[in-house]
Amino acid sequence: MGASMAMTTLLRLYLDLERQMLLAEGIGEPTVDIIRDAMDPIWHALSDEDRAVLDQREVEFIRSQEGLRVPLGDHIYCRDSGPRVKSPIPKEPIKDWLIAA
C-alpha cells in the first residue's frame, strides 16, 4: 500500500458499532438489539462495494473486545486526497467577507 489510504467514515462507524454489537451479544447484554437497530440505516447508506466486502467476511463468536479485529484487506480503503492546501493568513481585515466565504 504505497500511498496513504483512509477508510470511509460510514464504514468505520458501521464496523465500530458491529464490534460493540458482537461484544454485547457475546456477554448477553440486553442492549444488543438497540445497537443492531442503529446499524441498519448505516448499512443501507454504505456503498454497494462496502456492503459486498462486509458480506464476504467470516466473523466468529467473540468473547473480548480485543478479539473483534476483523481484517478486511486494503480494498476497503480510499485514496487520501493529499496534503492540505495552505492559504496565507490575511494581515488586514477582509473587506466584503460574506463574498469571500
PDB file of N, CA and C in Angstrom:
ATOM      1  N   MET A   1       0.848  -1.170   0.000  1.00  0.00           N
ATOM      2  CA  MET A   1       0.000   0.000   0.000  1.00  0.00           C
ATOM      3  C   MET A   1       0.888   1.225   0.000  1.00  0.00           C
ATOM      4  N   GLY A   2       1.331   1.678  -1.172  1.00  0.00           N
ATOM      5  CA  GLY A   2       2.284   2.755  -1.273  1.00  0.00           C
ATOM      6  C   GLY A   2       1.744   4.109  -0.824  1.00  0.00           C
ATOM      7  N   ALA A   3       0.614   4.547  -1.361  1.00  0.00           N
ATOM      8  CA  ALA A   3       0.044   5.837  -0.969  1.00  0.00           C
ATOM      9  C   ALA A   3      -0.754   5.663   0.315  1.00  0.00           C
ATOM     10  N   SER A   4      -0.904   6.762   1.041  1.00  0.00           N
ATOM     11  CA  SER A   4      -1.687   6.644   2.276  1.00  0.00           C
ATOM     12  C   SER A   4      -3.152   6.449   1.923  1.00  0.00           C
ATOM     13  N   MET A   5      -3.847   5.668   2.745  1.00  0.00           N
ATOM     14  CA  MET A   5      -5.226   5.307   2.474  1.00  0.00           C
ATOM     15  C   MET A   5      -6.069   5.653   3.688  1.00  0.00           C
ATOM     16  N   ALA A   6      -7.365   5.844   3.478  1.00  0.00           N
ATOM     17  CA  ALA A   6      -8.265   6.157   4.583  1.00  0.00           C
ATOM     18  C   ALA A   6      -9.577   5.403   4.399  1.00  0.00           C
ATOM     19  N   MET A   7     -10.098   4.831   5.481  1.00  0.00           N
ATOM     20  CA  MET A   7     -11.369   4.126   5.433  1.00  0.00           C
ATOM     21  C   MET A   7     -12.489   5.162   5.399  1.00  0.00           C
ATOM     22  N   THR A   8     -13.578   4.872   4.693  1.00  0.00           N
ATOM     23  CA  THR A   8     -14.691   5.813   4.674  1.00  0.00           C
ATOM     24  C   THR A   8     -15.277   5.949   6.070  1.00  0.00           C
ATOM     25  N   THR A   9     -15.820   7.099   6.364  1.00  0.00           N
ATOM     26  CA  THR A   9     -16.385   7.376   7.682  1.00  0.00           C
ATOM     27  C   THR A   9     -17.543   6.442   7.995  1.00  0.00           C
ATOM     28  N   LEU A  10     -18.411   6.230   7.030  1.00  0.00           N
ATOM     29  CA  LEU A  10     -19.562   5.347   7.268  1.00  0.00           C
ATOM     30  C   LEU A  10     -19.127   3.913   7.536  1.00  0.00           C
ATOM     31  N   LEU A  11     -18.160   3.439   6.793  1.00  0.00           N
ATOM     32  CA  LEU A  11     -17.692   2.072   7.002  1.00  0.00           C
ATOM     33  C   LEU A  11     -17.041   1.940   8.376  1.00  0.00           C
ATOM     34  N   ARG A  12     -16.247   2.927   8.765  1.00  0.00           N
ATOM     35  CA  ARG A  12     -15.619   2.897  10.090  1.00  0.00           C
ATOM     36  C   ARG A  12     -16.695   2.891  11.182  1.00  0.00           C
ATOM     37  N   LEU A  13     -17.717   3.719  11.032  1.00  0.00           N
ATOM     38  CA  LEU A  13     -18.796   3.779  12.014  1.00  0.00           C
ATOM     39  C   LEU A  13     -19.527   2.441  12.093  1.00  0.00           C
ATOM     40  N   TYR A  14     -19.822   1.852  10.930  1.00  0.00           N
ATOM     41  CA  TYR A  14     -20.510   0.557  10.913  1.00  0.00           C
ATOM     42  C   TYR A  14     -19.673  -0.508  11.610  1.00  0.00           C
ATOM     43  N   LEU A  15     -18.383  -0.563  11.306  1.00  0.00           N
ATOM     44  CA  LEU A  15     -17.515  -1.567  11.916  1.00  0.00           C
ATOM     45  C   LEU A  15     -17.376  -1.356  13.422  1.00  0.00           C
ATOM     46  N   ASP A  16     -17.324  -0.098  13.857  1.00  0.00           N
ATOM     47  CA  ASP A  16     -17.267   0.178  15.298  1.00  0.00           C
ATOM     48  C   ASP A  16     -18.527  -0.314  16.001  1.00  0.00           C
ATOM     49  N   LEU A  17     -19.680  -0.019  15.413  1.00  0.00           N
ATOM     50  CA  LEU A  17     -20.932  -0.499  16.010  1.00  0.00           C
ATOM     51  C   LEU A  17     -21.027  -2.025  15.963  1.00  0.00           C
ATOM     52  N   GLU A  18     -20.539  -2.608  14.883  1.00  0.00           N
ATOM     53  CA  GLU A  18     -20.570  -4.066  14.774  1.00  0.00           C
ATOM     54  C   GLU A  18     -19.725  -4.706  15.869  1.00  0.00           C
ATOM     55  N   ARG A  19     -18.557  -4.139  16.132  1.00  0.00           N
ATOM     56  CA  ARG A  19     -17.704  -4.663  17.202  1.00  0.00           C
ATOM     57  C   ARG A  19     -18.421  -4.615  18.546  1.00  0.00           C
ATOM     58  N   GLN A  20     -19.055  -3.469  18.813  1.00  0.00           N
ATOM     59  CA  GLN A  20     -19.776  -3.328  20.077  1.00  0.00           C
ATOM     60  C   GLN A  20     -20.968  -4.290  20.145  1.00  0.00           C
ATOM     61  N   MET A  21     -21.662  -4.463  19.038  1.00  0.00           N
ATOM     62  CA  MET A  21     -22.801  -5.376  18.992  1.00  0.00           C
ATOM     63  C   MET A  21     -22.361  -6.813  19.250  1.00  0.00           C
ATOM     64  N   LEU A  22     -21.257  -7.232  18.617  1.00  0.00           N
ATOM     65  CA  LEU A  22     -20.763  -8.594  18.813  1.00  0.00           C
ATOM     66  C   LEU A  22     -20.296  -8.817  20.245  1.00  0.00           C
ATOM     67  N   LEU A  23     -19.654  -7.812  20.804  1.00  0.00           N
ATOM     68  CA  LEU A  23     -19.215  -7.904  22.191  1.00  0.00           C
ATOM     69  C   LEU A  23     -20.414  -7.995  23.126  1.00  0.00           C
ATOM     70  N   ALA A  24     -21.402  -7.144  22.920  1.00  0.00           N
ATOM     71  CA  ALA A  24     -22.614  -7.157  23.754  1.00  0.00           C
ATOM     72  C   ALA A  24     -23.352  -8.480  23.611  1.00  0.00           C
ATOM     73  N   GLU A  25     -23.423  -8.995  22.401  1.00  0.00           N
ATOM     74  CA  GLU A  25     -24.091 -10.269  22.151  1.00  0.00           C
ATOM     75  C   GLU A  25     -23.368 -11.416  22.860  1.00  0.00           C
ATOM     76  N   GLY A  26     -22.038 -11.348  22.874  1.00  0.00           N
ATOM     77  CA  GLY A  26     -21.241 -12.396  23.490  1.00  0.00           C
ATOM     78  C   GLY A  26     -21.406 -12.495  24.993  1.00  0.00           C
ATOM     79  N   ILE A  27     -21.753 -11.383  25.632  1.00  0.00           N
ATOM     80  CA  ILE A  27     -21.916 -11.411  27.085  1.00  0.00           C
ATOM     81  C   ILE A  27     -23.382 -11.355  27.500  1.00  0.00           C
ATOM     82  N   GLY A  28     -24.282 -11.465  26.529  1.00  0.00           N
ATOM     83  CA  GLY A  28     -25.705 -11.484  26.848  1.00  0.00           C
ATOM     84  C   GLY A  28     -26.274 -10.132  27.235  1.00  0.00           C
ATOM     85  N   GLU A  29     -25.660  -9.072  26.768  1.00  0.00           N
ATOM     86  CA  GLU A  29     -26.108  -7.713  27.082  1.00  0.00           C
ATOM     87  C   GLU A  29     -27.455  -7.445  26.403  1.00  0.00           C
ATOM     88  N   PRO A  30     -28.473  -7.002  27.158  1.00  0.00           N
ATOM     89  CA  PRO A  30     -29.801  -6.793  26.567  1.00  0.00           C
ATOM     90  C   PRO A  30     -29.878  -5.619  25.586  1.00  0.00           C
ATOM     91  N   THR A  31     -28.888  -4.737  25.546  1.00  0.00           N
ATOM     92  CA  THR A  31     -28.931  -3.594  24.633  1.00  0.00           C
ATOM     93  C   THR A  31     -28.469  -3.949  23.214  1.00  0.00           C
ATOM     94  N   VAL A  32     -28.182  -5.206  22.964  1.00  0.00           N
ATOM     95  CA  VAL A  32     -27.670  -5.603  21.650  1.00  0.00           C
ATOM     96  C   VAL A  32     -28.659  -5.252  20.536  1.00  0.00           C
ATOM     97  N   ASP A  33     -29.954  -5.333  20.787  1.00  0.00           N
ATOM     98  CA  ASP A  33     -30.938  -5.001  19.755  1.00  0.00           C
ATOM     99  C   ASP A  33     -30.938  -3.505  19.438  1.00  0.00           C
ATOM    100  N   ILE A  34     -30.657  -2.680  20.414  1.00  0.00           N
ATOM    101  CA  ILE A  34     -30.572  -1.234  20.179  1.00  0.00           C
ATOM    102  C   ILE A  34     -29.393  -0.935  19.252  1.00  0.00           C
ATOM    103  N   ILE A  35     -28.282  -1.628  19.488  1.00  0.00           N
ATOM    104  CA  ILE A  35     -27.100  -1.436  18.635  1.00  0.00           C
ATOM    105  C   ILE A  35     -27.408  -1.912  17.219  1.00  0.00           C
ATOM    106  N   ARG A  36     -28.076  -3.062  17.087  1.00  0.00           N
ATOM    107  CA  ARG A  36     -28.434  -3.567  15.746  1.00  0.00           C
ATOM    108  C   ARG A  36     -29.330  -2.577  15.018  1.00  0.00           C
ATOM    109  N   ASP A  37     -30.302  -2.006  15.744  1.00  0.00           N
ATOM    110  CA  ASP A  37     -31.200  -1.030  15.119  1.00  0.00           C
ATOM    111  C   ASP A  37     -30.429   0.193  14.636  1.00  0.00           C
ATOM    112  N   ALA A  38     -29.407   0.595  15.372  1.00  0.00           N
ATOM    113  CA  ALA A  38     -28.590   1.746  14.966  1.00  0.00           C
ATOM    114  C   ALA A  38     -27.755   1.410  13.733  1.00  0.00           C
ATOM    115  N   MET A  39     -27.410   0.150  13.544  1.00  0.00           N
ATOM    116  CA  MET A  39     -26.583  -0.261  12.413  1.00  0.00           C
ATOM    117  C   MET A  39     -27.357  -0.290  11.097  1.00  0.00           C
ATOM    118  N   ASP A  40     -28.655  -0.536  11.147  1.00  0.00           N
ATOM    119  CA  ASP A  40     -29.445  -0.707   9.921  1.00  0.00           C
ATOM    120  C   ASP A  40     -29.372   0.485   8.964  1.00  0.00           C
ATOM    121  N   PRO A  41     -29.645   1.722   9.415  1.00  0.00           N
ATOM    122  CA  PRO A  41     -29.574   2.827   8.442  1.00  0.00           C
ATOM    123  C   PRO A  41     -28.162   3.062   7.912  1.00  0.00           C
ATOM    124  N   ILE A  42     -27.157   2.753   8.717  1.00  0.00           N
ATOM    125  CA  ILE A  42     -25.778   2.912   8.250  1.00  0.00           C
ATOM    126  C   ILE A  42     -25.490   1.881   7.161  1.00  0.00           C
ATOM    127  N   TRP A  43     -25.955   0.640   7.364  1.00  0.00           N
ATOM    128  CA  TRP A  43     -25.786  -0.419   6.363  1.00  0.00           C
ATOM    129  C   TRP A  43     -26.361   0.020   5.022  1.00  0.00           C
ATOM    130  N   HIS A  44     -27.561   0.577   5.039  1.00  0.00           N
ATOM    131  CA  HIS A  44     -28.211   0.985   3.792  1.00  0.00           C
ATOM    132  C   HIS A  44     -27.545   2.203   3.159  1.00  0.00           C
ATOM    133  N   ALA A  45     -26.825   2.991   3.962  1.00  0.00           N
ATOM    134  CA  ALA A  45     -26.126   4.161   3.430  1.00  0.00           C
ATOM    135  C   ALA A  45     -24.752   3.809   2.851  1.00  0.00           C
ATOM    136  N   LEU A  46     -24.241   2.613   3.161  1.00  0.00           N
ATOM    137  CA  LEU A  46     -22.937   2.192   2.636  1.00  0.00           C
ATOM    138  C   LEU A  46     -23.009   1.991   1.128  1.00  0.00           C
ATOM    139  N   SER A  47     -21.879   2.110   0.474  1.00  0.00           N
ATOM    140  CA  SER A  47     -21.835   1.857  -0.968  1.00  0.00           C
ATOM    141  C   SER A  47     -22.014   0.363  -1.226  1.00  0.00           C
ATOM    142  N   ASP A  48     -22.378   0.032  -2.443  1.00  0.00           N
ATOM    143  CA  ASP A  48     -22.524  -1.379  -2.822  1.00  0.00           C
ATOM    144  C   ASP A  48     -21.213  -2.135  -2.619  1.00  0.00           C
ATOM    145  N   GLU A  49     -20.090  -1.462  -2.899  1.00  0.00           N
ATOM    146  CA  GLU A  49     -18.784  -2.101  -2.742  1.00  0.00           C
ATOM    147  C   GLU A  49     -18.505  -2.410  -1.272  1.00  0.00           C
ATOM    148  N   ASP A  50     -18.811  -1.453  -0.391  1.00  0.00           N
ATOM    149  CA  ASP A  50     -18.594  -1.681   1.034  1.00  0.00           C
ATOM    150  C   ASP A  50     -19.446  -2.829   1.555  1.00  0.00           C
ATOM    151  N   ARG A  51     -20.712  -2.874   1.139  1.00  0.00           N
ATOM    152  CA  ARG A  51     -21.585  -3.967   1.583  1.00  0.00           C
ATOM    153  C   ARG A  51     -21.101  -5.314   1.053  1.00  0.00           C
ATOM    154  N   ALA A  52     -20.601  -5.329  -0.187  1.00  0.00           N
ATOM    155  CA  ALA A  52     -20.094  -6.581  -0.751  1.00  0.00           C
ATOM    156  C   ALA A  52     -18.886  -7.081   0.043  1.00  0.00           C
ATOM    157  N   VAL A  53     -17.995  -6.158   0.431  1.00  0.00           N
ATOM    158  CA  VAL A  53     -16.823  -6.537   1.230  1.00  0.00           C
ATOM    159  C   VAL A  53     -17.265  -7.097   2.575  1.00  0.00           C
ATOM    160  N   LEU A  54     -18.203  -6.432   3.207  1.00  0.00           N
ATOM    161  CA  LEU A  54     -18.689  -6.887   4.509  1.00  0.00           C
ATOM    162  C   LEU A  54     -19.386  -8.242   4.395  1.00  0.00           C
ATOM    163  N   ASP A  55     -20.112  -8.465   3.320  1.00  0.00           N
ATOM    164  CA  ASP A  55     -20.814  -9.741   3.133  1.00  0.00           C
ATOM    165  C   ASP A  55     -19.854 -10.911   2.934  1.00  0.00           C
ATOM    166  N   GLN A  56     -18.652 -10.666   2.444  1.00  0.00           N
ATOM    167  CA  GLN A  56     -17.693 -11.733   2.159  1.00  0.00           C
ATOM    168  C   GLN A  56     -16.909 -12.177   3.388  1.00  0.00           C
ATOM    169  N   ARG A  57     -17.024 -11.444   4.485  1.00  0.00           N
ATOM    170  CA  ARG A  57     -16.244 -11.773   5.682  1.00  0.00           C
ATOM    171  C   ARG A  57     -16.838 -12.946   6.435  1.00  0.00           C
ATOM    172  N   GLU A  58     -16.009 -13.539   7.264  1.00  0.00           N
ATOM    173  CA  GLU A  58     -16.452 -14.546   8.215  1.00  0.00           C
ATOM    174  C   GLU A  58     -16.138 -14.021   9.602  1.00  0.00           C
ATOM    175  N   VAL A  59     -17.162 -13.838  10.435  1.00  0.00           N
ATOM    176  CA  VAL A  59     -16.985 -13.330  11.784  1.00  0.00           C
ATOM    177  C   VAL A  59     -17.391 -14.431  12.749  1.00  0.00           C
ATOM    178  N   GLU A  60     -16.476 -14.767  13.634  1.00  0.00           N
ATOM    179  CA  GLU A  60     -16.743 -15.823  14.597  1.00  0.00           C
ATOM    180  C   GLU A  60     -17.279 -15.243  15.895  1.00  0.00           C
ATOM    181  N   PHE A  61     -17.710 -16.117  16.799  1.00  0.00           N
ATOM    182  CA  PHE A  61     -18.195 -15.693  18.112  1.00  0.00           C
ATOM    183  C   PHE A  61     -17.067 -15.002  18.860  1.00  0.00           C
ATOM    184  N   ILE A  62     -17.342 -13.839  19.378  1.00  0.00           N
ATOM    185  CA  ILE A  62     -16.326 -13.016  20.024  1.00  0.00           C
ATOM    186  C   ILE A  62     -16.616 -12.916  21.522  1.00  0.00           C
ATOM    187  N   ARG A  63     -15.585 -13.105  22.328  1.00  0.00           N
ATOM    188  CA  ARG A  63     -15.756 -13.012  23.776  1.00  0.00           C
ATOM    189  C   ARG A  63     -15.069 -11.790  24.386  1.00  0.00           C
ATOM    190  N   SER A  64     -14.157 -11.169  23.668  1.00  0.00           N
ATOM    191  CA  SER A  64     -13.485  -9.992  24.205  1.00  0.00           C
ATOM    192  C   SER A  64     -13.337  -8.955  23.106  1.00  0.00           C
ATOM    193  N   GLN A  65     -13.212  -7.706  23.505  1.00  0.00           N
ATOM    194  CA  GLN A  65     -13.084  -6.625  22.537  1.00  0.00           C
ATOM    195  C   GLN A  65     -11.815  -6.766  21.712  1.00  0.00           C
ATOM    196  N   GLU A  66     -10.751  -7.275  22.279  1.00  0.00           N
ATOM    197  CA  GLU A  66      -9.508  -7.454  21.529  1.00  0.00           C
ATOM    198  C   GLU A  66      -9.678  -8.464  20.400  1.00  0.00           C
ATOM    199  N   GLY A  67     -10.593  -9.397  20.553  1.00  0.00           N
ATOM    200  CA  GLY A  67     -10.834 -10.375  19.501  1.00  0.00           C
ATOM    201  C   GLY A  67     -11.694  -9.852  18.376  1.00  0.00           C
ATOM    202  N   LEU A  68     -12.095  -8.591  18.437  1.00  0.00           N
ATOM    203  CA  LEU A  68     -13.003  -8.038  17.442  1.00  0.00           C
ATOM    204  C   LEU A  68     -12.285  -7.339  16.294  1.00  0.00           C
ATOM    205  N   ARG A  69     -11.058  -7.629  16.096  1.00  0.00           N
ATOM    206  CA  ARG A  69     -10.312  -7.043  14.988  1.00  0.00           C
ATOM    207  C   ARG A  69     -10.443  -7.982  13.794  1.00  0.00           C
ATOM    208  N   VAL A  70     -11.280  -7.603  12.830  1.00  0.00           N
ATOM    209  CA  VAL A  70     -11.550  -8.446  11.677  1.00  0.00           C
ATOM    210  C   VAL A  70     -10.839  -7.849  10.473  1.00  0.00           C
ATOM    211  N   PRO A  71      -9.798  -8.501   9.951  1.00  0.00           N
ATOM    212  CA  PRO A  71      -9.086  -7.939   8.802  1.00  0.00           C
ATOM    213  C   PRO A  71      -9.957  -7.980   7.549  1.00  0.00           C
ATOM    214  N   LEU A  72      -9.997  -6.881   6.836  1.00  0.00           N
ATOM    215  CA  LEU A  72     -10.799  -6.810   5.622  1.00  0.00           C
ATOM    216  C   LEU A  72      -9.950  -6.696   4.370  1.00  0.00           C
ATOM    217  N   GLY A  73      -8.722  -6.229   4.502  1.00  0.00           N
ATOM    218  CA  GLY A  73      -7.867  -6.049   3.333  1.00  0.00           C
ATOM    219  C   GLY A  73      -7.820  -4.596   2.907  1.00  0.00           C
ATOM    220  N   ASP A  74      -6.901  -4.291   2.015  1.00  0.00           N
ATOM    221  CA  ASP A  74      -6.683  -2.921   1.567  1.00  0.00           C
ATOM    222  C   ASP A  74      -7.778  -2.400   0.651  1.00  0.00           C
ATOM    223  N   HIS A  75      -8.580  -3.286   0.068  1.00  0.00           N
ATOM    224  CA  HIS A  75      -9.567  -2.851  -0.910  1.00  0.00           C
ATOM    225  C   HIS A  75     -10.714  -2.045  -0.301  1.00  0.00           C
ATOM    226  N   ILE A  76     -10.831  -1.949   1.033  1.00  0.00           N
ATOM    227  CA  ILE A  76     -11.900  -1.157   1.637  1.00  0.00           C
ATOM    228  C   ILE A  76     -11.473   0.279   1.887  1.00  0.00           C
ATOM    229  N   TYR A  77     -10.252   0.640   1.533  1.00  0.00           N
ATOM    230  CA  TYR A  77      -9.739   1.977   1.766  1.00  0.00           C
ATOM    231  C   TYR A  77      -9.833   2.810   0.496  1.00  0.00           C
ATOM    232  N   CYS A  78      -9.950   4.120   0.676  1.00  0.00           N
ATOM    233  CA  CYS A  78      -9.920   5.023  -0.477  1.00  0.00           C
ATOM    234  C   CYS A  78      -8.659   5.875  -0.388  1.00  0.00           C
ATOM    235  N   ARG A  79      -8.246   6.415  -1.484  1.00  0.00           N
ATOM    236  CA  ARG A  79      -7.006   7.191  -1.514  1.00  0.00           C
ATOM    237  C   ARG A  79      -7.169   8.506  -0.760  1.00  0.00           C
ATOM    238  N   ASP A  80      -6.133   8.872  -0.032  1.00  0.00           N
ATOM    239  CA  ASP A  80      -6.082  10.144   0.665  1.00  0.00           C
ATOM    240  C   ASP A  80      -5.994  11.255  -0.362  1.00  0.00           C
ATOM    241  N   SER A  81      -6.665  12.366  -0.106  1.00  0.00           N
ATOM    242  CA  SER A  81      -6.669  13.456  -1.079  1.00  0.00           C
ATOM    243  C   SER A  81      -5.362  14.240  -1.099  1.00  0.00           C
ATOM    244  N   GLY A  82      -4.438  13.927  -0.200  1.00  0.00           N
ATOM    245  CA  GLY A  82      -3.140  14.590  -0.195  1.00  0.00           C
ATOM    246  C   GLY A  82      -3.061  15.668   0.860  1.00  0.00           C
ATOM    247  N   PRO A  83      -1.955  16.394   0.840  1.00  0.00           N
ATOM    248  CA  PRO A  83      -1.779  17.425   1.868  1.00  0.00           C
ATOM    249  C   PRO A  83      -2.776  18.568   1.701  1.00  0.00           C
ATOM    250  N   ARG A  84      -3.080  19.228   2.832  1.00  0.00           N
ATOM    251  CA  ARG A  84      -3.991  20.366   2.797  1.00  0.00           C
ATOM    252  C   ARG A  84      -3.371  21.508   2.026  1.00  0.00           C
ATOM    253  N   VAL A  85      -4.200  22.241   1.327  1.00  0.00           N
ATOM    254  CA  VAL A  85      -3.743  23.430   0.624  1.00  0.00           C
ATOM    255  C   VAL A  85      -3.653  24.549   1.646  1.00  0.00           C
ATOM    256  N   LYS A  86      -2.485  25.162   1.741  1.00  0.00           N
ATOM    257  CA  LYS A  86      -2.283  26.219   2.724  1.00  0.00           C
ATOM    258  C   LYS A  86      -2.598  27.566   2.093  1.00  0.00           C
ATOM    259  N   SER A  87      -3.395  28.353   2.813  1.00  0.00           N
ATOM    260  CA  SER A  87      -3.718  29.714   2.382  1.00  0.00           C
ATOM    261  C   SER A  87      -3.066  30.679   3.348  1.00  0.00           C
ATOM    262  N   PRO A  88      -2.502  31.759   2.838  1.00  0.00           N
ATOM    263  CA  PRO A  88      -1.876  32.724   3.754  1.00  0.00           C
ATOM    264  C   PRO A  88      -2.942  33.403   4.617  1.00  0.00           C
ATOM    265  N   ILE A  89      -2.574  33.712   5.839  1.00  0.00           N
ATOM    266  CA  ILE A  89      -3.478  34.419   6.743  1.00  0.00           C
ATOM    267  C   ILE A  89      -3.408  35.902   6.393  1.00  0.00           C
ATOM    268  N   PRO A  90      -4.573  36.521   6.139  1.00  0.00           N
ATOM    269  CA  PRO A  90      -4.552  37.942   5.776  1.00  0.00           C
ATOM    270  C   PRO A  90      -4.037  38.800   6.922  1.00  0.00           C
ATOM    271  N   LYS A  91      -3.288  39.814   6.581  1.00  0.00           N
ATOM    272  CA  LYS A  91      -2.740  40.712   7.593  1.00  0.00           C
ATOM    273  C   LYS A  91      -3.676  41.881   7.853  1.00  0.00           C
ATOM    274  N   GLU A  92      -4.599  42.147   6.948  1.00  0.00           N
ATOM    275  CA  GLU A  92      -5.547  43.238   7.084  1.00  0.00           C
ATOM    276  C   GLU A  92      -6.959  42.669   7.162  1.00  0.00           C
ATOM    277  N   PRO A  93      -7.920  43.442   7.687  1.00  0.00           N
ATOM    278  CA  PRO A  93      -9.304  42.956   7.734  1.00  0.00           C
ATOM    279  C   PRO A  93      -9.816  42.629   6.330  1.00  0.00           C
ATOM    280  N   ILE A  94     -10.607  41.593   6.237  1.00  0.00           N
ATOM    281  CA  ILE A  94     -11.166  41.189   4.952  1.00  0.00           C
ATOM    282  C   ILE A  94     -12.373  42.074   4.650  1.00  0.00           C
ATOM    283  N   LYS A  95     -12.356  42.697   3.489  1.00  0.00           N
ATOM    284  CA  LYS A  95     -13.492  43.512   3.063  1.00  0.00           C
ATOM    285  C   LYS A  95     -14.484  42.577   2.362  1.00  0.00           C
ATOM    286  N   ASP A  96     -15.751  42.832   2.540  1.00  0.00           N
ATOM    287  CA  ASP A  96     -16.805  42.015   1.915  1.00  0.00           C
ATOM    288  C   ASP A  96     -16.611  40.538   2.255  1.00  0.00           C
ATOM    289  N   TRP A  97     -16.446  40.226   3.522  1.00  0.00           N
ATOM    290  CA  TRP A  97     -16.139  38.870   3.953  1.00  0.00           C
ATOM    291  C   TRP A  97     -17.228  37.864   3.579  1.00  0.00           C
ATOM    292  N   LEU A  98     -18.469  38.290   3.455  1.00  0.00           N
ATOM    293  CA  LEU A  98     -19.516  37.352   3.035  1.00  0.00           C
ATOM    294  C   LEU A  98     -19.278  36.861   1.618  1.00  0.00           C
ATOM    295  N   ILE A  99     -18.761  37.723   0.770  1.00  0.00           N
ATOM    296  CA  ILE A  99     -18.450  37.328  -0.606  1.00  0.00           C
ATOM    297  C   ILE A  99     -17.250  36.375  -0.593  1.00  0.00           C
ATOM    298  N   ALA A 100     -16.285  36.633   0.267  1.00  0.00           N
ATOM    299  CA  ALA A 100     -15.087  35.792   0.324  1.00  0.00           C
ATOM    300  C   ALA A 100     -15.413  34.399   0.844  1.00  0.00           C
ATOM    301  N   ALA A 101     -16.400  34.286   1.708  1.00  0.00           N
ATOM    302  CA  ALA A 101     -16.757  32.990   2.275  1.00  0.00           C
ATOM    303  C   ALA A 101     -17.424  32.181   1.225  1.00  0.00           C
TER     304      ALA A 101
END
